[in-house]
Amino acid sequence: MLKKIISTLAILLIFTILSCKNDVLPKPSGYLRLDYPEARYVNFENNCPFTFEMNEGAVIKGEKNCGFAITYPKMKATIYLTYKPVNNNIEKLLKDAQKLTYEHVIKADDILEQPYLNPAKKVYGMFYQVDGNAATNSQFYVTDSTKHFITGSVYFYAKPNFDSIMPAASYIKNDMRQLMETLKWK
């Protein structure tokens, strides 16, 4: 009986030694790599009272009253632009634009306000960067204070998860800044 136990242990020891050829190492954490083409901008102009530069890789669709949807099909995102004429209602338009941004404060970790002033072109506004799992990550408004008012916001067609959409959100945020900073009134 003792001989049988010793031979069984010897066989187990031999199998254990022979079966462990390589140490098992944990794999390092990996991240999804999202590369987007370098942005090239083209001037957009139509019958509306303003022009701007937009990414040539985006698709623009006209809506009514000089409002536009600029889509990024590969990123499943859209920038919505809304134009409103100013008719002694600039305070209401500003209040509505700010209210739209701060409705996301429930899900946002932080909202960074960045004023934009270009007196030479008579373009004044605010760019909002919304951090966290909010429905929109960037918004802006621009106006000349007397005739024109435009708001813009980006929405992704995915559940808001800032970590996973951050590369696309950063790319589109740069496009929104370009749009805002190149906007000219006719």
N, C-alpha and C. Protein backbone atom coordinates (compact mmCIF):
# COMPACT_ATOMS: atom_id res chain seq x y z
N MET A 1 0.82 -1.18 0.00
CA MET A 1 0.00 0.00 0.00
C MET A 1 0.87 1.26 0.00
N LEU A 2 1.91 1.27 0.82
CA LEU A 2 2.82 2.41 0.88
C LEU A 2 3.53 2.58 -0.45
N LYS A 3 3.86 1.44 -1.09
CA LYS A 3 4.50 1.47 -2.40
C LYS A 3 3.57 2.12 -3.44
N LYS A 4 2.29 1.82 -3.35
CA LYS A 4 1.31 2.36 -4.28
C LYS A 4 1.17 3.87 -4.11
N ILE A 5 1.18 4.34 -2.87
CA ILE A 5 1.05 5.78 -2.58
C ILE A 5 2.29 6.51 -3.08
N ILE A 6 3.46 5.93 -2.84
CA ILE A 6 4.71 6.56 -3.28
C ILE A 6 4.76 6.63 -4.81
N SER A 7 4.36 5.56 -5.48
CA SER A 7 4.38 5.57 -6.95
C SER A 7 3.36 6.56 -7.50
N THR A 8 2.23 6.69 -6.88
CA THR A 8 1.22 7.67 -7.30
C THR A 8 1.75 9.08 -7.13
N LEU A 9 2.37 9.36 -5.99
CA LEU A 9 2.95 10.69 -5.75
C LEU A 9 4.08 10.97 -6.73
N ALA A 10 4.88 9.97 -7.04
CA ALA A 10 5.97 10.15 -8.00
C ALA A 10 5.42 10.49 -9.38
N ILE A 11 4.36 9.80 -9.78
CA ILE A 11 3.73 10.07 -11.09
C ILE A 11 3.15 11.48 -11.11
N LEU A 12 2.49 11.90 -10.04
CA LEU A 12 1.94 13.26 -9.95
C LEU A 12 3.05 14.29 -10.01
N LEU A 13 4.15 14.04 -9.30
CA LEU A 13 5.28 14.96 -9.30
C LEU A 13 5.89 15.08 -10.70
N ILE A 14 6.01 13.98 -11.42
CA ILE A 14 6.56 13.99 -12.78
C ILE A 14 5.63 14.77 -13.71
N PHE A 15 4.31 14.52 -13.62
CA PHE A 15 3.35 15.26 -14.46
C PHE A 15 3.37 16.76 -14.13
N THR A 16 3.49 17.09 -12.85
CA THR A 16 3.53 18.49 -12.44
C THR A 16 4.75 19.18 -13.01
N ILE A 17 5.90 18.53 -12.95
CA ILE A 17 7.13 19.12 -13.45
C ILE A 17 7.09 19.25 -14.97
N LEU A 18 6.60 18.24 -15.66
CA LEU A 18 6.57 18.25 -17.12
C LEU A 18 5.48 19.18 -17.68
N SER A 19 4.41 19.36 -16.95
CA SER A 19 3.30 20.15 -17.48
C SER A 19 3.54 21.65 -17.35
N CYS A 20 4.42 22.08 -16.50
CA CYS A 20 4.67 23.51 -16.28
C CYS A 20 5.89 23.94 -17.07
N LYS A 21 5.72 24.19 -18.36
CA LYS A 21 6.83 24.59 -19.21
C LYS A 21 7.08 26.09 -19.11
N ASN A 22 6.04 26.91 -19.20
CA ASN A 22 6.18 28.37 -19.15
C ASN A 22 5.35 28.91 -17.99
N ASP A 23 5.87 29.99 -17.41
CA ASP A 23 5.09 30.65 -16.37
C ASP A 23 3.95 31.41 -17.04
N VAL A 24 2.82 31.44 -16.39
CA VAL A 24 1.67 32.18 -16.89
C VAL A 24 1.83 33.62 -16.43
N LEU A 25 1.84 34.53 -17.40
CA LEU A 25 1.98 35.94 -17.09
C LEU A 25 0.69 36.66 -17.46
N PRO A 26 0.26 37.58 -16.61
CA PRO A 26 -0.94 38.35 -16.97
C PRO A 26 -0.64 39.27 -18.14
N LYS A 27 -1.62 39.45 -19.01
CA LYS A 27 -1.44 40.34 -20.16
C LYS A 27 -1.60 41.78 -19.69
N PRO A 28 -0.82 42.68 -20.27
CA PRO A 28 -0.96 44.09 -19.88
C PRO A 28 -2.30 44.64 -20.36
N SER A 29 -2.76 45.66 -19.67
CA SER A 29 -4.01 46.30 -20.07
C SER A 29 -3.85 46.91 -21.44
N GLY A 30 -4.87 46.80 -22.25
CA GLY A 30 -4.84 47.38 -23.59
C GLY A 30 -5.97 48.38 -23.74
N TYR A 31 -5.76 49.33 -24.60
CA TYR A 31 -6.77 50.33 -24.87
C TYR A 31 -7.07 50.35 -26.36
N LEU A 32 -8.30 50.65 -26.67
CA LEU A 32 -8.70 50.77 -28.06
C LEU A 32 -8.03 52.00 -28.66
N ARG A 33 -7.40 51.82 -29.78
CA ARG A 33 -6.73 52.94 -30.42
C ARG A 33 -7.63 53.48 -31.52
N LEU A 34 -7.99 54.74 -31.37
CA LEU A 34 -8.84 55.40 -32.34
C LEU A 34 -8.05 56.51 -33.01
N ASP A 35 -7.75 56.33 -34.27
CA ASP A 35 -7.04 57.35 -35.03
C ASP A 35 -8.01 57.99 -36.01
N TYR A 36 -8.00 59.31 -36.01
CA TYR A 36 -8.85 60.03 -36.94
C TYR A 36 -7.95 60.81 -37.89
N PRO A 37 -8.41 61.04 -39.10
CA PRO A 37 -7.58 61.78 -40.05
C PRO A 37 -7.36 63.21 -39.57
N GLU A 38 -6.25 63.78 -40.01
CA GLU A 38 -5.99 65.17 -39.66
C GLU A 38 -7.09 66.03 -40.26
N ALA A 39 -7.61 66.93 -39.45
CA ALA A 39 -8.73 67.76 -39.89
C ALA A 39 -8.26 68.77 -40.94
N ARG A 40 -9.02 68.82 -42.04
CA ARG A 40 -8.82 69.84 -43.07
C ARG A 40 -10.15 70.58 -43.19
N TYR A 41 -10.05 71.88 -43.17
CA TYR A 41 -11.26 72.69 -43.13
C TYR A 41 -11.53 73.37 -44.46
N VAL A 42 -12.82 73.45 -44.79
CA VAL A 42 -13.27 74.12 -46.00
C VAL A 42 -14.32 75.15 -45.60
N ASN A 43 -14.41 76.20 -46.39
CA ASN A 43 -15.38 77.25 -46.12
C ASN A 43 -16.78 76.78 -46.52
N PHE A 44 -17.77 77.02 -45.66
CA PHE A 44 -19.15 76.69 -45.98
C PHE A 44 -19.92 78.00 -46.12
N GLU A 45 -20.60 78.12 -47.24
CA GLU A 45 -21.38 79.32 -47.49
C GLU A 45 -22.64 78.95 -48.25
N ASN A 46 -23.75 79.57 -47.87
CA ASN A 46 -25.00 79.41 -48.60
C ASN A 46 -25.80 80.71 -48.46
N ASN A 47 -27.12 80.63 -48.48
CA ASN A 47 -27.96 81.84 -48.43
C ASN A 47 -28.13 82.41 -47.03
N CYS A 48 -27.61 81.74 -46.03
CA CYS A 48 -27.75 82.21 -44.64
C CYS A 48 -26.86 83.43 -44.40
N PRO A 49 -27.15 84.20 -43.35
CA PRO A 49 -26.38 85.44 -43.10
C PRO A 49 -25.03 85.22 -42.41
N PHE A 50 -24.43 84.05 -42.60
CA PHE A 50 -23.13 83.77 -41.98
C PHE A 50 -22.39 82.71 -42.79
N THR A 51 -21.08 82.66 -42.61
CA THR A 51 -20.24 81.63 -43.21
C THR A 51 -19.34 81.09 -42.10
N PHE A 52 -18.78 79.91 -42.32
CA PHE A 52 -17.86 79.33 -41.35
C PHE A 52 -17.05 78.25 -42.03
N GLU A 53 -16.00 77.80 -41.36
CA GLU A 53 -15.21 76.68 -41.84
C GLU A 53 -15.63 75.42 -41.11
N MET A 54 -15.67 74.32 -41.87
CA MET A 54 -16.04 73.04 -41.27
C MET A 54 -15.09 71.95 -41.77
N ASN A 55 -15.03 70.86 -41.06
CA ASN A 55 -14.19 69.72 -41.42
C ASN A 55 -14.71 69.14 -42.73
N GLU A 56 -13.81 68.93 -43.69
CA GLU A 56 -14.24 68.41 -44.99
C GLU A 56 -14.70 66.95 -44.88
N GLY A 57 -14.39 66.26 -43.79
CA GLY A 57 -14.83 64.88 -43.60
C GLY A 57 -16.23 64.78 -43.03
N ALA A 58 -16.79 65.89 -42.62
CA ALA A 58 -18.14 65.89 -42.07
C ALA A 58 -19.16 66.12 -43.17
N VAL A 59 -20.40 65.74 -42.91
CA VAL A 59 -21.48 65.90 -43.88
C VAL A 59 -22.47 66.90 -43.30
N ILE A 60 -22.77 67.94 -44.07
CA ILE A 60 -23.70 68.97 -43.57
C ILE A 60 -25.05 68.80 -44.25
N LYS A 61 -26.09 68.88 -43.43
CA LYS A 61 -27.45 68.78 -43.94
C LYS A 61 -28.19 70.04 -43.51
N GLY A 62 -28.82 70.70 -44.48
CA GLY A 62 -29.56 71.92 -44.18
C GLY A 62 -30.90 71.61 -43.56
N GLU A 63 -31.25 72.40 -42.63
CA GLU A 63 -32.57 72.32 -42.04
C GLU A 63 -33.25 73.65 -42.31
N LYS A 64 -34.35 73.88 -41.71
CA LYS A 64 -35.05 75.13 -41.97
C LYS A 64 -34.46 76.27 -41.14
N ASN A 65 -34.67 77.47 -41.61
CA ASN A 65 -34.27 78.70 -40.92
C ASN A 65 -32.79 78.77 -40.60
N CYS A 66 -31.94 78.32 -41.52
CA CYS A 66 -30.49 78.37 -41.39
C CYS A 66 -29.94 77.57 -40.22
N GLY A 67 -30.64 76.52 -39.86
CA GLY A 67 -30.13 75.58 -38.87
C GLY A 67 -29.53 74.40 -39.62
N PHE A 68 -28.47 73.82 -39.09
CA PHE A 68 -27.78 72.75 -39.78
C PHE A 68 -27.46 71.60 -38.84
N ALA A 69 -27.31 70.43 -39.44
CA ALA A 69 -26.81 69.25 -38.73
C ALA A 69 -25.53 68.84 -39.45
N ILE A 70 -24.42 68.90 -38.75
CA ILE A 70 -23.13 68.50 -39.30
C ILE A 70 -22.81 67.14 -38.71
N THR A 71 -22.88 66.11 -39.56
CA THR A 71 -22.74 64.74 -39.04
C THR A 71 -21.34 64.19 -39.30
N TYR A 72 -20.96 63.32 -38.37
CA TYR A 72 -19.71 62.56 -38.45
C TYR A 72 -20.11 61.08 -38.40
N PRO A 73 -20.39 60.49 -39.55
CA PRO A 73 -20.93 59.12 -39.57
C PRO A 73 -20.02 58.08 -38.90
N LYS A 74 -18.71 58.19 -39.08
CA LYS A 74 -17.81 57.20 -38.48
C LYS A 74 -17.75 57.30 -36.96
N MET A 75 -18.05 58.47 -36.44
CA MET A 75 -18.01 58.68 -34.99
C MET A 75 -19.40 58.63 -34.35
N LYS A 76 -20.42 58.51 -35.19
CA LYS A 76 -21.80 58.50 -34.73
C LYS A 76 -22.10 59.75 -33.89
N ALA A 77 -21.78 60.90 -34.47
CA ALA A 77 -21.96 62.16 -33.77
C ALA A 77 -22.51 63.21 -34.72
N THR A 78 -23.18 64.21 -34.15
CA THR A 78 -23.74 65.31 -34.94
C THR A 78 -23.58 66.62 -34.17
N ILE A 79 -23.14 67.65 -34.88
CA ILE A 79 -23.16 69.00 -34.33
C ILE A 79 -24.43 69.65 -34.86
N TYR A 80 -25.25 70.14 -33.95
CA TYR A 80 -26.48 70.83 -34.34
C TYR A 80 -26.26 72.33 -34.20
N LEU A 81 -26.47 73.05 -35.29
CA LEU A 81 -26.39 74.51 -35.28
C LEU A 81 -27.79 75.08 -35.42
N THR A 82 -28.09 76.06 -34.60
CA THR A 82 -29.39 76.72 -34.65
C THR A 82 -29.16 78.22 -34.79
N TYR A 83 -29.80 78.80 -35.77
CA TYR A 83 -29.70 80.23 -36.01
C TYR A 83 -31.01 80.90 -35.61
N LYS A 84 -30.89 82.05 -34.92
CA LYS A 84 -32.06 82.84 -34.59
C LYS A 84 -31.73 84.31 -34.79
N PRO A 85 -32.61 85.05 -35.45
CA PRO A 85 -32.37 86.48 -35.57
C PRO A 85 -32.62 87.17 -34.22
N VAL A 86 -31.88 88.22 -33.98
CA VAL A 86 -32.05 88.99 -32.75
C VAL A 86 -33.05 90.10 -33.03
N ASN A 87 -34.13 90.11 -32.27
CA ASN A 87 -35.18 91.13 -32.39
C ASN A 87 -35.47 91.68 -31.00
N ASN A 88 -34.55 92.47 -30.49
CA ASN A 88 -34.67 93.01 -29.13
C ASN A 88 -34.89 91.91 -28.09
N ASN A 89 -34.35 90.71 -28.35
CA ASN A 89 -34.53 89.59 -27.43
C ASN A 89 -33.19 88.92 -27.08
N ILE A 90 -32.11 89.68 -27.13
CA ILE A 90 -30.79 89.11 -26.90
C ILE A 90 -30.67 88.50 -25.50
N GLU A 91 -31.29 89.13 -24.51
CA GLU A 91 -31.22 88.60 -23.14
C GLU A 91 -31.89 87.23 -23.05
N LYS A 92 -33.03 87.07 -23.69
CA LYS A 92 -33.71 85.78 -23.68
C LYS A 92 -32.90 84.72 -24.42
N LEU A 93 -32.32 85.08 -25.56
CA LEU A 93 -31.51 84.13 -26.31
C LEU A 93 -30.29 83.68 -25.50
N LEU A 94 -29.63 84.62 -24.84
CA LEU A 94 -28.47 84.28 -24.00
C LEU A 94 -28.88 83.38 -22.84
N LYS A 95 -29.99 83.73 -22.22
CA LYS A 95 -30.49 82.94 -21.08
C LYS A 95 -30.83 81.51 -21.52
N ASP A 96 -31.48 81.37 -22.67
CA ASP A 96 -31.84 80.04 -23.19
C ASP A 96 -30.59 79.21 -23.52
N ALA A 97 -29.58 79.85 -24.12
CA ALA A 97 -28.34 79.15 -24.46
C ALA A 97 -27.62 78.66 -23.20
N GLN A 98 -27.57 79.51 -22.18
CA GLN A 98 -26.92 79.13 -20.93
C GLN A 98 -27.73 78.06 -20.20
N LYS A 99 -29.03 78.17 -20.25
CA LYS A 99 -29.90 77.17 -19.61
C LYS A 99 -29.69 75.79 -20.25
N LEU A 100 -29.59 75.76 -21.59
CA LEU A 100 -29.37 74.51 -22.31
C LEU A 100 -28.09 73.83 -21.83
N THR A 101 -27.04 74.60 -21.63
CA THR A 101 -25.78 74.03 -21.17
C THR A 101 -25.90 73.52 -19.74
N TYR A 102 -26.49 74.31 -18.86
CA TYR A 102 -26.51 73.94 -17.45
C TYR A 102 -27.59 72.91 -17.11
N GLU A 103 -28.40 72.50 -18.08
CA GLU A 103 -29.29 71.36 -17.86
C GLU A 103 -28.49 70.07 -17.71
N HIS A 104 -27.24 70.07 -18.19
CA HIS A 104 -26.38 68.88 -18.12
C HIS A 104 -25.59 68.80 -16.82
N VAL A 105 -25.80 69.75 -15.93
CA VAL A 105 -25.01 69.80 -14.69
C VAL A 105 -25.26 68.57 -13.81
N ILE A 106 -26.39 67.92 -13.96
CA ILE A 106 -26.72 66.73 -13.17
C ILE A 106 -25.73 65.60 -13.46
N LYS A 107 -25.42 65.37 -14.73
CA LYS A 107 -24.51 64.30 -15.13
C LYS A 107 -23.06 64.76 -15.29
N ALA A 108 -22.86 66.07 -15.41
CA ALA A 108 -21.51 66.60 -15.69
C ALA A 108 -20.66 66.62 -14.43
N ASP A 109 -19.36 66.37 -14.63
CA ASP A 109 -18.41 66.50 -13.53
C ASP A 109 -17.95 67.95 -13.41
N ASP A 110 -17.90 68.63 -14.55
CA ASP A 110 -17.43 70.01 -14.57
C ASP A 110 -17.89 70.67 -15.86
N ILE A 111 -18.17 71.96 -15.80
CA ILE A 111 -18.49 72.73 -17.00
C ILE A 111 -17.52 73.90 -17.05
N LEU A 112 -16.67 73.90 -18.07
CA LEU A 112 -15.67 74.94 -18.24
C LEU A 112 -16.17 75.95 -19.26
N GLU A 113 -16.26 77.21 -18.85
CA GLU A 113 -16.71 78.29 -19.74
C GLU A 113 -15.50 79.01 -20.30
N GLN A 114 -15.49 79.18 -21.62
CA GLN A 114 -14.39 79.89 -22.27
C GLN A 114 -14.97 80.98 -23.16
N PRO A 115 -14.88 82.24 -22.72
CA PRO A 115 -15.42 83.34 -23.53
C PRO A 115 -14.67 83.48 -24.85
N TYR A 116 -15.39 83.92 -25.88
CA TYR A 116 -14.79 84.18 -27.19
C TYR A 116 -15.18 85.59 -27.62
N LEU A 117 -14.18 86.40 -27.92
CA LEU A 117 -14.41 87.77 -28.35
C LEU A 117 -13.58 88.04 -29.59
N ASN A 118 -14.24 88.48 -30.66
CA ASN A 118 -13.56 88.90 -31.87
C ASN A 118 -14.22 90.19 -32.36
N PRO A 119 -13.79 91.32 -31.78
CA PRO A 119 -14.42 92.60 -32.15
C PRO A 119 -14.26 92.95 -33.63
N ALA A 120 -13.17 92.52 -34.26
CA ALA A 120 -12.97 92.84 -35.68
C ALA A 120 -14.07 92.24 -36.55
N LYS A 121 -14.51 91.03 -36.22
CA LYS A 121 -15.58 90.36 -36.98
C LYS A 121 -16.95 90.54 -36.33
N LYS A 122 -16.99 91.20 -35.17
CA LYS A 122 -18.22 91.39 -34.39
C LYS A 122 -18.84 90.04 -34.02
N VAL A 123 -17.99 89.14 -33.55
CA VAL A 123 -18.45 87.82 -33.11
C VAL A 123 -18.07 87.67 -31.64
N TYR A 124 -19.08 87.47 -30.80
CA TYR A 124 -18.90 87.34 -29.36
C TYR A 124 -19.64 86.10 -28.90
N GLY A 125 -19.07 85.38 -27.98
CA GLY A 125 -19.77 84.19 -27.53
C GLY A 125 -19.10 83.48 -26.38
N MET A 126 -19.53 82.24 -26.19
CA MET A 126 -19.02 81.40 -25.10
C MET A 126 -18.92 79.97 -25.61
N PHE A 127 -17.81 79.32 -25.26
CA PHE A 127 -17.62 77.91 -25.57
C PHE A 127 -17.67 77.16 -24.26
N TYR A 128 -18.48 76.11 -24.20
CA TYR A 128 -18.61 75.30 -22.99
C TYR A 128 -18.04 73.91 -23.23
N GLN A 129 -17.16 73.49 -22.35
CA GLN A 129 -16.66 72.13 -22.37
C GLN A 129 -17.29 71.42 -21.17
N VAL A 130 -18.06 70.39 -21.44
CA VAL A 130 -18.80 69.67 -20.41
C VAL A 130 -18.08 68.34 -20.17
N ASP A 131 -17.49 68.18 -18.99
CA ASP A 131 -16.78 66.95 -18.66
C ASP A 131 -17.70 66.00 -17.89
N GLY A 132 -17.57 64.72 -18.15
CA GLY A 132 -18.37 63.71 -17.46
C GLY A 132 -19.30 63.02 -18.43
N ASN A 133 -20.25 62.28 -17.90
CA ASN A 133 -21.16 61.46 -18.71
C ASN A 133 -22.43 62.22 -19.09
N ALA A 134 -22.27 63.44 -19.54
CA ALA A 134 -23.41 64.24 -19.98
C ALA A 134 -23.75 63.88 -21.43
N ALA A 135 -24.94 64.26 -21.84
CA ALA A 135 -25.39 63.95 -23.20
C ALA A 135 -24.58 64.70 -24.25
N THR A 136 -24.07 65.86 -23.92
CA THR A 136 -23.23 66.64 -24.83
C THR A 136 -21.94 67.00 -24.13
N ASN A 137 -20.83 67.01 -24.89
CA ASN A 137 -19.54 67.32 -24.30
C ASN A 137 -19.07 68.74 -24.63
N SER A 138 -19.65 69.34 -25.66
CA SER A 138 -19.26 70.69 -26.07
C SER A 138 -20.47 71.43 -26.59
N GLN A 139 -20.53 72.70 -26.23
CA GLN A 139 -21.58 73.58 -26.72
C GLN A 139 -21.01 74.98 -26.87
N PHE A 140 -21.66 75.79 -27.69
CA PHE A 140 -21.24 77.18 -27.81
C PHE A 140 -22.42 78.03 -28.27
N TYR A 141 -22.25 79.33 -28.10
CA TYR A 141 -23.14 80.29 -28.74
C TYR A 141 -22.29 81.46 -29.20
N VAL A 142 -22.70 82.07 -30.30
CA VAL A 142 -22.05 83.27 -30.81
C VAL A 142 -23.14 84.25 -31.27
N THR A 143 -22.80 85.53 -31.20
CA THR A 143 -23.75 86.56 -31.58
C THR A 143 -22.99 87.81 -31.99
N ASP A 144 -23.67 88.70 -32.68
CA ASP A 144 -23.12 90.03 -32.92
C ASP A 144 -23.85 91.03 -32.02
N SER A 145 -24.75 90.55 -31.21
CA SER A 145 -25.53 91.30 -30.20
C SER A 145 -26.65 92.15 -30.77
N THR A 146 -26.72 92.30 -32.10
CA THR A 146 -27.78 93.16 -32.65
C THR A 146 -28.67 92.46 -33.67
N LYS A 147 -28.11 91.52 -34.47
CA LYS A 147 -28.91 90.90 -35.53
C LYS A 147 -28.92 89.37 -35.51
N HIS A 148 -27.81 88.75 -35.10
CA HIS A 148 -27.64 87.31 -35.29
C HIS A 148 -27.29 86.60 -33.98
N PHE A 149 -27.76 85.34 -33.89
CA PHE A 149 -27.46 84.50 -32.72
C PHE A 149 -27.43 83.04 -33.17
N ILE A 150 -26.33 82.34 -32.87
CA ILE A 150 -26.17 80.94 -33.25
C ILE A 150 -25.77 80.13 -32.04
N THR A 151 -26.41 78.96 -31.87
CA THR A 151 -25.97 78.01 -30.85
C THR A 151 -25.52 76.74 -31.55
N GLY A 152 -24.61 76.04 -30.90
CA GLY A 152 -24.12 74.78 -31.44
C GLY A 152 -23.87 73.79 -30.31
N SER A 153 -24.20 72.55 -30.55
CA SER A 153 -23.94 71.50 -29.55
C SER A 153 -23.71 70.18 -30.28
N VAL A 154 -22.90 69.33 -29.66
CA VAL A 154 -22.58 68.03 -30.26
C VAL A 154 -23.27 66.94 -29.44
N TYR A 155 -23.82 65.96 -30.15
CA TYR A 155 -24.44 64.80 -29.52
C TYR A 155 -23.92 63.53 -30.18
N PHE A 156 -23.67 62.53 -29.36
CA PHE A 156 -23.23 61.23 -29.85
C PHE A 156 -24.40 60.27 -29.79
N TYR A 157 -24.47 59.37 -30.77
CA TYR A 157 -25.52 58.38 -30.79
C TYR A 157 -25.04 57.13 -30.08
N ALA A 158 -24.71 57.30 -28.82
CA ALA A 158 -24.24 56.21 -27.96
C ALA A 158 -24.53 56.61 -26.53
N LYS A 159 -24.56 55.63 -25.65
CA LYS A 159 -24.77 55.92 -24.24
C LYS A 159 -23.62 56.80 -23.76
N PRO A 160 -23.91 57.90 -23.06
CA PRO A 160 -22.84 58.77 -22.62
C PRO A 160 -21.89 58.05 -21.67
N ASN A 161 -20.69 57.80 -22.12
CA ASN A 161 -19.62 57.23 -21.31
C ASN A 161 -18.36 57.98 -21.73
N PHE A 162 -18.01 59.00 -20.97
CA PHE A 162 -16.98 59.94 -21.36
C PHE A 162 -15.67 59.25 -21.70
N ASP A 163 -15.30 58.22 -20.95
CA ASP A 163 -14.02 57.56 -21.20
C ASP A 163 -13.96 56.93 -22.59
N SER A 164 -15.05 56.34 -23.04
CA SER A 164 -15.00 55.64 -24.33
C SER A 164 -15.17 56.58 -25.52
N ILE A 165 -15.86 57.70 -25.36
CA ILE A 165 -16.03 58.62 -26.50
C ILE A 165 -15.06 59.80 -26.45
N MET A 166 -14.16 59.82 -25.48
CA MET A 166 -13.26 60.96 -25.32
C MET A 166 -12.44 61.28 -26.56
N PRO A 167 -11.83 60.30 -27.27
CA PRO A 167 -11.07 60.68 -28.47
C PRO A 167 -11.94 61.35 -29.53
N ALA A 168 -13.12 60.83 -29.77
CA ALA A 168 -14.03 61.44 -30.75
C ALA A 168 -14.52 62.80 -30.25
N ALA A 169 -14.81 62.90 -28.97
CA ALA A 169 -15.29 64.16 -28.40
C ALA A 169 -14.22 65.25 -28.53
N SER A 170 -12.96 64.90 -28.31
CA SER A 170 -11.87 65.87 -28.44
C SER A 170 -11.71 66.32 -29.89
N TYR A 171 -11.81 65.37 -30.81
CA TYR A 171 -11.69 65.68 -32.23
C TYR A 171 -12.79 66.65 -32.66
N ILE A 172 -14.02 66.36 -32.28
CA ILE A 172 -15.15 67.20 -32.68
C ILE A 172 -15.12 68.53 -31.95
N LYS A 173 -14.65 68.52 -30.70
CA LYS A 173 -14.53 69.78 -29.95
C LYS A 173 -13.62 70.75 -30.72
N ASN A 174 -12.52 70.25 -31.27
CA ASN A 174 -11.63 71.10 -32.06
C ASN A 174 -12.33 71.63 -33.30
N ASP A 175 -13.15 70.79 -33.93
CA ASP A 175 -13.92 71.24 -35.10
C ASP A 175 -14.93 72.32 -34.72
N MET A 176 -15.54 72.17 -33.55
CA MET A 176 -16.51 73.19 -33.10
C MET A 176 -15.81 74.52 -32.84
N ARG A 177 -14.63 74.46 -32.24
CA ARG A 177 -13.87 75.69 -32.01
C ARG A 177 -13.52 76.37 -33.34
N GLN A 178 -13.10 75.56 -34.31
CA GLN A 178 -12.76 76.10 -35.63
C GLN A 178 -13.99 76.76 -36.24
N LEU A 179 -15.12 76.12 -36.16
CA LEU A 179 -16.37 76.67 -36.69
C LEU A 179 -16.67 78.01 -36.02
N MET A 180 -16.60 78.03 -34.70
CA MET A 180 -16.93 79.22 -33.92
C MET A 180 -15.95 80.36 -34.23
N GLU A 181 -14.67 80.04 -34.31
CA GLU A 181 -13.65 81.07 -34.49
C GLU A 181 -13.53 81.57 -35.94
N THR A 182 -14.09 80.83 -36.89
CA THR A 182 -14.03 81.29 -38.29
C THR A 182 -15.38 81.83 -38.77
N LEU A 183 -16.36 81.87 -37.88
CA LEU A 183 -17.68 82.35 -38.26
C LEU A 183 -17.62 83.84 -38.61
N LYS A 184 -18.26 84.19 -39.73
CA LYS A 184 -18.33 85.58 -40.19
C LYS A 184 -19.77 85.89 -40.53
N TRP A 185 -20.19 87.09 -40.20
CA TRP A 185 -21.52 87.55 -40.57
C TRP A 185 -21.44 88.18 -41.95
N LYS A 186 -22.49 88.00 -42.73
CA LYS A 186 -22.55 88.61 -44.08
C LYS A 186 -23.11 90.02 -43.99
